[in-house]
PDB file of N, CA and C in Angstrom:
ATOM      1  N   MET A   1      23.286-101.125  29.052  1.00  0.00           N
ATOM      2  CA  MET A   1      21.949-100.989  29.581  1.00  0.00           C
ATOM      3  C   MET A   1      20.940-101.098  28.443  1.00  0.00           C
ATOM      4  N   ASP A   2      20.004-101.988  28.575  1.00  0.00           N
ATOM      5  CA  ASP A   2      18.964-102.136  27.560  1.00  0.00           C
ATOM      6  C   ASP A   2      17.906-101.058  27.757  1.00  0.00           C
ATOM      7  N   ARG A   3      17.496-100.487  26.665  1.00  0.00           N
ATOM      8  CA  ARG A   3      16.452 -99.466  26.695  1.00  0.00           C
ATOM      9  C   ARG A   3      15.268 -99.956  25.880  1.00  0.00           C
ATOM     10  N   THR A   4      14.101 -99.448  26.228  1.00  0.00           N
ATOM     11  CA  THR A   4      12.911 -99.817  25.477  1.00  0.00           C
ATOM     12  C   THR A   4      12.813 -98.950  24.225  1.00  0.00           C
ATOM     13  N   ASN A   5      11.978 -99.386  23.322  1.00  0.00           N
ATOM     14  CA  ASN A   5      11.731 -98.654  22.083  1.00  0.00           C
ATOM     15  C   ASN A   5      11.367 -97.195  22.373  1.00  0.00           C
ATOM     16  N   SER A   6      10.477 -96.971  23.303  1.00  0.00           N
ATOM     17  CA  SER A   6      10.039 -95.606  23.607  1.00  0.00           C
ATOM     18  C   SER A   6      11.170 -94.768  24.187  1.00  0.00           C
ATOM     19  N   GLU A   7      12.083 -95.383  24.930  1.00  0.00           N
ATOM     20  CA  GLU A   7      13.225 -94.635  25.473  1.00  0.00           C
ATOM     21  C   GLU A   7      14.164 -94.187  24.363  1.00  0.00           C
ATOM     22  N   TRP A   8      14.407 -95.061  23.374  1.00  0.00           N
ATOM     23  CA  TRP A   8      15.261 -94.670  22.239  1.00  0.00           C
ATOM     24  C   TRP A   8      14.620 -93.541  21.449  1.00  0.00           C
ATOM     25  N   ILE A   9      13.336 -93.657  21.208  1.00  0.00           N
ATOM     26  CA  ILE A   9      12.631 -92.616  20.466  1.00  0.00           C
ATOM     27  C   ILE A   9      12.700 -91.295  21.233  1.00  0.00           C
ATOM     28  N   ARG A  10      12.524 -91.352  22.548  1.00  0.00           N
ATOM     29  CA  ARG A  10      12.607 -90.145  23.369  1.00  0.00           C
ATOM     30  C   ARG A  10      13.996 -89.509  23.258  1.00  0.00           C
ATOM     31  N   LEU A  11      15.052 -90.304  23.299  1.00  0.00           N
ATOM     32  CA  LEU A  11      16.420 -89.779  23.179  1.00  0.00           C
ATOM     33  C   LEU A  11      16.651 -89.123  21.817  1.00  0.00           C
ATOM     34  N   ILE A  12      16.175 -89.758  20.778  1.00  0.00           N
ATOM     35  CA  ILE A  12      16.333 -89.207  19.422  1.00  0.00           C
ATOM     36  C   ILE A  12      15.580 -87.891  19.305  1.00  0.00           C
ATOM     37  N   LYS A  13      14.330 -87.858  19.778  1.00  0.00           N
ATOM     38  CA  LYS A  13      13.535 -86.632  19.718  1.00  0.00           C
ATOM     39  C   LYS A  13      14.177 -85.517  20.537  1.00  0.00           C
ATOM     40  N   GLN A  14      14.708 -85.861  21.693  1.00  0.00           N
ATOM     41  CA  GLN A  14      15.354 -84.871  22.550  1.00  0.00           C
ATOM     42  C   GLN A  14      16.577 -84.272  21.855  1.00  0.00           C
ATOM     43  N   ALA A  15      17.383 -85.115  21.220  1.00  0.00           N
ATOM     44  CA  ALA A  15      18.568 -84.625  20.517  1.00  0.00           C
ATOM     45  C   ALA A  15      18.181 -83.681  19.378  1.00  0.00           C
ATOM     46  N   VAL A  16      17.167 -84.064  18.585  1.00  0.00           N
ATOM     47  CA  VAL A  16      16.712 -83.214  17.474  1.00  0.00           C
ATOM     48  C   VAL A  16      16.149 -81.905  18.018  1.00  0.00           C
ATOM     49  N   SER A  17      15.356 -81.970  19.065  1.00  0.00           N
ATOM     50  CA  SER A  17      14.774 -80.768  19.665  1.00  0.00           C
ATOM     51  C   SER A  17      15.840 -79.834  20.219  1.00  0.00           C
ATOM     52  N   ASN A  18      16.977 -80.388  20.628  1.00  0.00           N
ATOM     53  CA  ASN A  18      18.083 -79.588  21.156  1.00  0.00           C
ATOM     54  C   ASN A  18      19.010 -79.076  20.059  1.00  0.00           C
ATOM     55  N   GLY A  19      18.628 -79.287  18.810  1.00  0.00           N
ATOM     56  CA  GLY A  19      19.385 -78.723  17.706  1.00  0.00           C
ATOM     57  C   GLY A  19      20.446 -79.617  17.094  1.00  0.00           C
ATOM     58  N   TYR A  20      20.554 -80.853  17.550  1.00  0.00           N
ATOM     59  CA  TYR A  20      21.528 -81.773  16.969  1.00  0.00           C
ATOM     60  C   TYR A  20      20.958 -82.395  15.700  1.00  0.00           C
ATOM     61  N   ARG A  21      21.838 -82.683  14.776  1.00  0.00           N
ATOM     62  CA  ARG A  21      21.429 -83.396  13.563  1.00  0.00           C
ATOM     63  C   ARG A  21      21.575 -84.885  13.843  1.00  0.00           C
ATOM     64  N   VAL A  22      20.478 -85.625  13.723  1.00  0.00           N
ATOM     65  CA  VAL A  22      20.463 -87.063  14.002  1.00  0.00           C
ATOM     66  C   VAL A  22      20.195 -87.793  12.698  1.00  0.00           C
ATOM     67  N   PHE A  23      21.002 -88.813  12.427  1.00  0.00           N
ATOM     68  CA  PHE A  23      20.905 -89.572  11.189  1.00  0.00           C
ATOM     69  C   PHE A  23      20.662 -91.041  11.488  1.00  0.00           C
ATOM     70  N   ASP A  24      20.065 -91.713  10.532  1.00  0.00           N
ATOM     71  CA  ASP A  24      19.782 -93.145  10.636  1.00  0.00           C
ATOM     72  C   ASP A  24      20.720 -93.887   9.694  1.00  0.00           C
ATOM     73  N   GLY A  25      21.885 -94.243  10.183  1.00  0.00           N
ATOM     74  CA  GLY A  25      22.802 -95.089   9.432  1.00  0.00           C
ATOM     75  C   GLY A  25      23.734 -94.368   8.493  1.00  0.00           C
ATOM     76  N   ASN A  26      23.261 -93.331   7.814  1.00  0.00           N
ATOM     77  CA  ASN A  26      24.122 -92.572   6.910  1.00  0.00           C
ATOM     78  C   ASN A  26      23.512 -91.188   6.720  1.00  0.00           C
ATOM     79  N   PRO A  27      24.276 -90.257   6.136  1.00  0.00           N
ATOM     80  CA  PRO A  27      23.792 -88.874   6.027  1.00  0.00           C
ATOM     81  C   PRO A  27      22.568 -88.686   5.139  1.00  0.00           C
ATOM     82  N   ASN A  28      22.169 -89.710   4.398  1.00  0.00           N
ATOM     83  CA  ASN A  28      20.970 -89.589   3.572  1.00  0.00           C
ATOM     84  C   ASN A  28      19.703 -89.545   4.414  1.00  0.00           C
ATOM     85  N   TYR A  29      19.657 -90.283   5.509  1.00  0.00           N
ATOM     86  CA  TYR A  29      18.450 -90.393   6.327  1.00  0.00           C
ATOM     87  C   TYR A  29      18.592 -89.545   7.583  1.00  0.00           C
ATOM     88  N   GLU A  30      17.896 -88.425   7.607  1.00  0.00           N
ATOM     89  CA  GLU A  30      17.990 -87.503   8.737  1.00  0.00           C
ATOM     90  C   GLU A  30      16.649 -87.420   9.452  1.00  0.00           C
ATOM     91  N   VAL A  31      16.708 -87.392  10.787  1.00  0.00           N
ATOM     92  CA  VAL A  31      15.500 -87.228  11.589  1.00  0.00           C
ATOM     93  C   VAL A  31      15.193 -85.736  11.664  1.00  0.00           C
ATOM     94  N   LYS A  32      13.954 -85.382  11.343  1.00  0.00           N
ATOM     95  CA  LYS A  32      13.529 -83.982  11.328  1.00  0.00           C
ATOM     96  C   LYS A  32      12.219 -83.836  12.090  1.00  0.00           C
ATOM     97  N   LYS A  33      12.021 -82.646  12.622  1.00  0.00           N
ATOM     98  CA  LYS A  33      10.741 -82.274  13.227  1.00  0.00           C
ATOM     99  C   LYS A  33      10.260 -81.049  12.470  1.00  0.00           C
ATOM    100  N   TYR A  34       9.074 -81.134  11.944  1.00  0.00           N
ATOM    101  CA  TYR A  34       8.524 -80.004  11.217  1.00  0.00           C
ATOM    102  C   TYR A  34       7.863 -79.033  12.186  1.00  0.00           C
ATOM    103  N   GLU A  35       8.055 -77.742  11.946  1.00  0.00           N
ATOM    104  CA  GLU A  35       7.566 -76.707  12.854  1.00  0.00           C
ATOM    105  C   GLU A  35       6.059 -76.740  13.056  1.00  0.00           C
ATOM    106  N   ASP A  36       5.313 -77.090  12.032  1.00  0.00           N
ATOM    107  CA  ASP A  36       3.860 -77.076  12.128  1.00  0.00           C
ATOM    108  C   ASP A  36       3.279 -78.368  12.698  1.00  0.00           C
ATOM    109  N   SER A  37       4.150 -79.218  13.250  1.00  0.00           N
ATOM    110  CA  SER A  37       3.702 -80.510  13.765  1.00  0.00           C
ATOM    111  C   SER A  37       4.555 -80.914  14.962  1.00  0.00           C
ATOM    112  N   ASP A  38       4.003 -81.751  15.805  1.00  0.00           N
ATOM    113  CA  ASP A  38       4.779 -82.300  16.918  1.00  0.00           C
ATOM    114  C   ASP A  38       5.397 -83.646  16.552  1.00  0.00           C
ATOM    115  N   GLU A  39       5.221 -84.061  15.301  1.00  0.00           N
ATOM    116  CA  GLU A  39       5.710 -85.352  14.841  1.00  0.00           C
ATOM    117  C   GLU A  39       7.154 -85.260  14.345  1.00  0.00           C
ATOM    118  N   PHE A  40       7.866 -86.373  14.492  1.00  0.00           N
ATOM    119  CA  PHE A  40       9.238 -86.479  14.002  1.00  0.00           C
ATOM    120  C   PHE A  40       9.258 -87.473  12.849  1.00  0.00           C
ATOM    121  N   TYR A  41      10.111 -87.205  11.867  1.00  0.00           N
ATOM    122  CA  TYR A  41      10.161 -88.013  10.659  1.00  0.00           C
ATOM    123  C   TYR A  41      11.604 -88.326  10.285  1.00  0.00           C
ATOM    124  N   ILE A  42      11.779 -89.420   9.573  1.00  0.00           N
ATOM    125  CA  ILE A  42      13.056 -89.737   8.950  1.00  0.00           C
ATOM    126  C   ILE A  42      12.897 -89.373   7.482  1.00  0.00           C
ATOM    127  N   VAL A  43      13.744 -88.450   7.020  1.00  0.00           N
ATOM    128  CA  VAL A  43      13.654 -87.914   5.668  1.00  0.00           C
ATOM    129  C   VAL A  43      14.843 -88.381   4.850  1.00  0.00           C
ATOM    130  N   SER A  44      14.584 -88.876   3.643  1.00  0.00           N
ATOM    131  CA  SER A  44      15.652 -89.239   2.720  1.00  0.00           C
ATOM    132  C   SER A  44      16.025 -88.005   1.912  1.00  0.00           C
ATOM    133  N   HIS A  45      17.287 -87.580   2.002  1.00  0.00           N
ATOM    134  CA  HIS A  45      17.737 -86.428   1.221  1.00  0.00           C
ATOM    135  C   HIS A  45      17.846 -86.783  -0.265  1.00  0.00           C
ATOM    136  N   PHE A  46      17.985 -88.064  -0.566  1.00  0.00           N
ATOM    137  CA  PHE A  46      18.139 -88.507  -1.950  1.00  0.00           C
ATOM    138  C   PHE A  46      16.847 -88.367  -2.747  1.00  0.00           C
ATOM    139  N   ASN A  47      15.732 -88.835  -2.166  1.00  0.00           N
ATOM    140  CA  ASN A  47      14.480 -88.823  -2.935  1.00  0.00           C
ATOM    141  C   ASN A  47      13.320 -88.128  -2.211  1.00  0.00           C
ATOM    142  N   ASP A  48      13.598 -87.493  -1.080  1.00  0.00           N
ATOM    143  CA  ASP A  48      12.595 -86.759  -0.300  1.00  0.00           C
ATOM    144  C   ASP A  48      11.477 -87.636   0.261  1.00  0.00           C
ATOM    145  N   TYR A  49      11.666 -88.952   0.298  1.00  0.00           N
ATOM    146  CA  TYR A  49      10.681 -89.814   0.949  1.00  0.00           C
ATOM    147  C   TYR A  49      10.742 -89.573   2.453  1.00  0.00           C
ATOM    148  N   VAL A  50       9.605 -89.747   3.094  1.00  0.00           N
ATOM    149  CA  VAL A  50       9.488 -89.474   4.523  1.00  0.00           C
ATOM    150  C   VAL A  50       8.793 -90.656   5.191  1.00  0.00           C
ATOM    151  N   ILE A  51       9.283 -91.027   6.373  1.00  0.00           N
ATOM    152  CA  ILE A  51       8.636 -92.054   7.187  1.00  0.00           C
ATOM    153  C   ILE A  51       8.609 -91.547   8.621  1.00  0.00           C
ATOM    154  N   GLY A  52       7.562 -91.874   9.347  1.00  0.00           N
ATOM    155  CA  GLY A  52       7.467 -91.443  10.738  1.00  0.00           C
ATOM    156  C   GLY A  52       8.523 -92.116  11.598  1.00  0.00           C
ATOM    157  N   LEU A  53       8.927 -91.440  12.654  1.00  0.00           N
ATOM    158  CA  LEU A  53       9.891 -92.012  13.594  1.00  0.00           C
ATOM    159  C   LEU A  53       9.141 -92.943  14.532  1.00  0.00           C
ATOM    160  N   HIS A  54       9.191 -94.208  14.235  1.00  0.00           N
ATOM    161  CA  HIS A  54       8.503 -95.238  15.018  1.00  0.00           C
ATOM    162  C   HIS A  54       9.076 -96.578  14.603  1.00  0.00           C
ATOM    163  N   GLY A  55       8.541 -97.625  15.108  1.00  0.00           N
ATOM    164  CA  GLY A  55       8.946 -98.952  14.672  1.00  0.00           C
ATOM    165  C   GLY A  55       9.944 -99.604  15.598  1.00  0.00           C
ATOM    166  N   ASP A  56      10.713-100.534  15.067  1.00  0.00           N
ATOM    167  CA  ASP A  56      11.627-101.343  15.859  1.00  0.00           C
ATOM    168  C   ASP A  56      12.948-100.616  16.052  1.00  0.00           C
ATOM    169  N   LEU A  57      13.007 -99.790  17.073  1.00  0.00           N
ATOM    170  CA  LEU A  57      14.223 -99.040  17.354  1.00  0.00           C
ATOM    171  C   LEU A  57      14.928 -99.572  18.602  1.00  0.00           C
ATOM    172  N   GLU A  58      14.666-100.810  18.966  1.00  0.00           N
ATOM    173  CA  GLU A  58      15.300-101.371  20.153  1.00  0.00           C
ATOM    174  C   GLU A  58      16.807-101.186  20.076  1.00  0.00           C
ATOM    175  N   ARG A  59      17.383-100.743  21.163  1.00  0.00           N
ATOM    176  CA  ARG A  59      18.829-100.521  21.271  1.00  0.00           C
ATOM    177  C   ARG A  59      19.359 -99.535  20.240  1.00  0.00           C
ATOM    178  N   GLY A  60      18.523 -98.621  19.776  1.00  0.00           N
ATOM    179  CA  GLY A  60      18.984 -97.544  18.910  1.00  0.00           C
ATOM    180  C   GLY A  60      19.078 -97.873  17.439  1.00  0.00           C
ATOM    181  N   TYR A  61      18.531 -99.000  17.025  1.00  0.00           N
ATOM    182  CA  TYR A  61      18.626 -99.377  15.621  1.00  0.00           C
ATOM    183  C   TYR A  61      17.391 -98.938  14.865  1.00  0.00           C
ATOM    184  N   GLY A  62      17.602 -98.521  13.614  1.00  0.00           N
ATOM    185  CA  GLY A  62      16.497 -97.971  12.836  1.00  0.00           C
ATOM    186  C   GLY A  62      16.247 -98.729  11.564  1.00  0.00           C
ATOM    187  N   LEU A  63      16.119 -98.019  10.469  1.00  0.00           N
ATOM    188  CA  LEU A  63      15.813 -98.620   9.187  1.00  0.00           C
ATOM    189  C   LEU A  63      16.887 -99.615   8.777  1.00  0.00           C
ATOM    190  N   ASN A  64      16.462-100.744   8.286  1.00  0.00           N
ATOM    191  CA  ASN A  64      17.376-101.754   7.753  1.00  0.00           C
ATOM    192  C   ASN A  64      18.480-102.140   8.724  1.00  0.00           C
ATOM    193  N   GLY A  65      18.210-102.053  10.028  1.00  0.00           N
ATOM    194  CA  GLY A  65      19.193-102.463  11.026  1.00  0.00           C
ATOM    195  C   GLY A  65      20.311-101.464  11.242  1.00  0.00           C
ATOM    196  N   SER A  66      20.208-100.280  10.691  1.00  0.00           N
ATOM    197  CA  SER A  66      21.247 -99.275  10.872  1.00  0.00           C
ATOM    198  C   SER A  66      21.098 -98.613  12.243  1.00  0.00           C
ATOM    199  N   GLU A  67      22.161 -97.963  12.685  1.00  0.00           N
ATOM    200  CA  GLU A  67      22.138 -97.334  13.991  1.00  0.00           C
ATOM    201  C   GLU A  67      22.031 -95.821  13.855  1.00  0.00           C
ATOM    202  N   PHE A  68      21.219 -95.218  14.699  1.00  0.00           N
ATOM    203  CA  PHE A  68      21.094 -93.766  14.711  1.00  0.00           C
ATOM    204  C   PHE A  68      22.355 -93.154  15.289  1.00  0.00           C
ATOM    205  N   TYR A  69      22.727 -91.999  14.758  1.00  0.00           N
ATOM    206  CA  TYR A  69      23.867 -91.276  15.315  1.00  0.00           C
ATOM    207  C   TYR A  69      23.626 -89.781  15.236  1.00  0.00           C
ATOM    208  N   ILE A  70      24.337 -89.068  16.107  1.00  0.00           N
ATOM    209  CA  ILE A  70      24.275 -87.615  16.150  1.00  0.00           C
ATOM    210  C   ILE A  70      25.517 -87.081  15.464  1.00  0.00           C
ATOM    211  N   HIS A  71      25.334 -86.085  14.605  1.00  0.00           N
ATOM    212  CA  HIS A  71      26.490 -85.474  13.965  1.00  0.00           C
ATOM    213  C   HIS A  71      26.722 -84.108  14.601  1.00  0.00           C
ATOM    214  N   HIS A  72      27.782 -84.006  15.375  1.00  0.00           N
ATOM    215  CA  HIS A  72      28.162 -82.759  16.032  1.00  0.00           C
ATOM    216  C   HIS A  72      29.679 -82.655  15.946  1.00  0.00           C
ATOM    217  N   ASN A  73      30.159 -81.985  14.922  1.00  0.00           N
ATOM    218  CA  ASN A  73      31.583 -81.890  14.587  1.00  0.00           C
ATOM    219  C   ASN A  73      32.140 -83.215  14.058  1.00  0.00           C
ATOM    220  N   ARG A  74      31.614 -84.309  14.518  1.00  0.00           N
ATOM    221  CA  ARG A  74      31.968 -85.644  14.030  1.00  0.00           C
ATOM    222  C   ARG A  74      30.804 -86.571  14.403  1.00  0.00           C
ATOM    223  N   PRO A  75      30.642 -87.681  13.682  1.00  0.00           N
ATOM    224  CA  PRO A  75      29.549 -88.594  14.032  1.00  0.00           C
ATOM    225  C   PRO A  75      29.745 -89.227  15.412  1.00  0.00           C
ATOM    226  N   VAL A  76      28.701 -89.235  16.213  1.00  0.00           N
ATOM    227  CA  VAL A  76      28.691 -89.895  17.520  1.00  0.00           C
ATOM    228  C   VAL A  76      27.522 -90.864  17.506  1.00  0.00           C
ATOM    229  N   MET A  77      27.823 -92.143  17.651  1.00  0.00           N
ATOM    230  CA  MET A  77      26.758 -93.138  17.642  1.00  0.00           C
ATOM    231  C   MET A  77      25.880 -92.948  18.869  1.00  0.00           C
ATOM    232  N   LEU A  78      24.576 -92.969  18.681  1.00  0.00           N
ATOM    233  CA  LEU A  78      23.639 -92.775  19.781  1.00  0.00           C
ATOM    234  C   LEU A  78      23.881 -93.784  20.887  1.00  0.00           C
ATOM    235  N   HIS A  79      24.147 -95.023  20.518  1.00  0.00           N
ATOM    236  CA  HIS A  79      24.384 -96.068  21.494  1.00  0.00           C
ATOM    237  C   HIS A  79      25.605 -95.736  22.357  1.00  0.00           C
ATOM    238  N   ASP A  80      26.683 -95.232  21.741  1.00  0.00           N
ATOM    239  CA  ASP A  80      27.882 -94.862  22.489  1.00  0.00           C
ATOM    240  C   ASP A  80      27.612 -93.705  23.440  1.00  0.00           C
ATOM    241  N   LEU A  81      26.838 -92.746  22.995  1.00  0.00           N
ATOM    242  CA  LEU A  81      26.522 -91.588  23.808  1.00  0.00           C
ATOM    243  C   LEU A  81      25.763 -92.014  25.058  1.00  0.00           C
ATOM    244  N   VAL A  82      24.821 -92.906  24.902  1.00  0.00           N
ATOM    245  CA  VAL A  82      24.016 -93.367  26.030  1.00  0.00           C
ATOM    246  C   VAL A  82      24.866 -94.180  27.005  1.00  0.00           C
ATOM    247  N   GLU A  83      25.776 -94.992  26.504  1.00  0.00           N
ATOM    248  CA  GLU A  83      26.570 -95.869  27.345  1.00  0.00           C
ATOM    249  C   GLU A  83      27.620 -95.118  28.154  1.00  0.00           C
ATOM    250  N   ARG A  84      27.950 -93.889  27.795  1.00  0.00           N
ATOM    251  CA  ARG A  84      29.014 -93.147  28.463  1.00  0.00           C
ATOM    252  C   ARG A  84      28.635 -92.578  29.816  1.00  0.00           C
ATOM    253  N   ARG A  85      27.379 -92.498  30.128  1.00  0.00           N
ATOM    254  CA  ARG A  85      26.983 -91.791  31.343  1.00  0.00           C
ATOM    255  C   ARG A  85      27.516 -92.359  32.611  1.00  0.00           C
TER     256      ARG A  85
END
């Protein structure tokens, strides 16, 4: 099932809001929501750079064509999670 950019962003935000750790391609890039803001960001653990959660996320893909995934006991690709319903 094809999803729009806004639907992918909504799924990612929902997972983070529900306490799941969501990553963009590898454990260095984690999606975070700061308590003092309603905005979501992708944070690099390596250099602390931050970018807003937006852009070309069609079909769950993020920075540099990587795929977002949820880490809950083991990595679960966001695309796989959505397709299982």
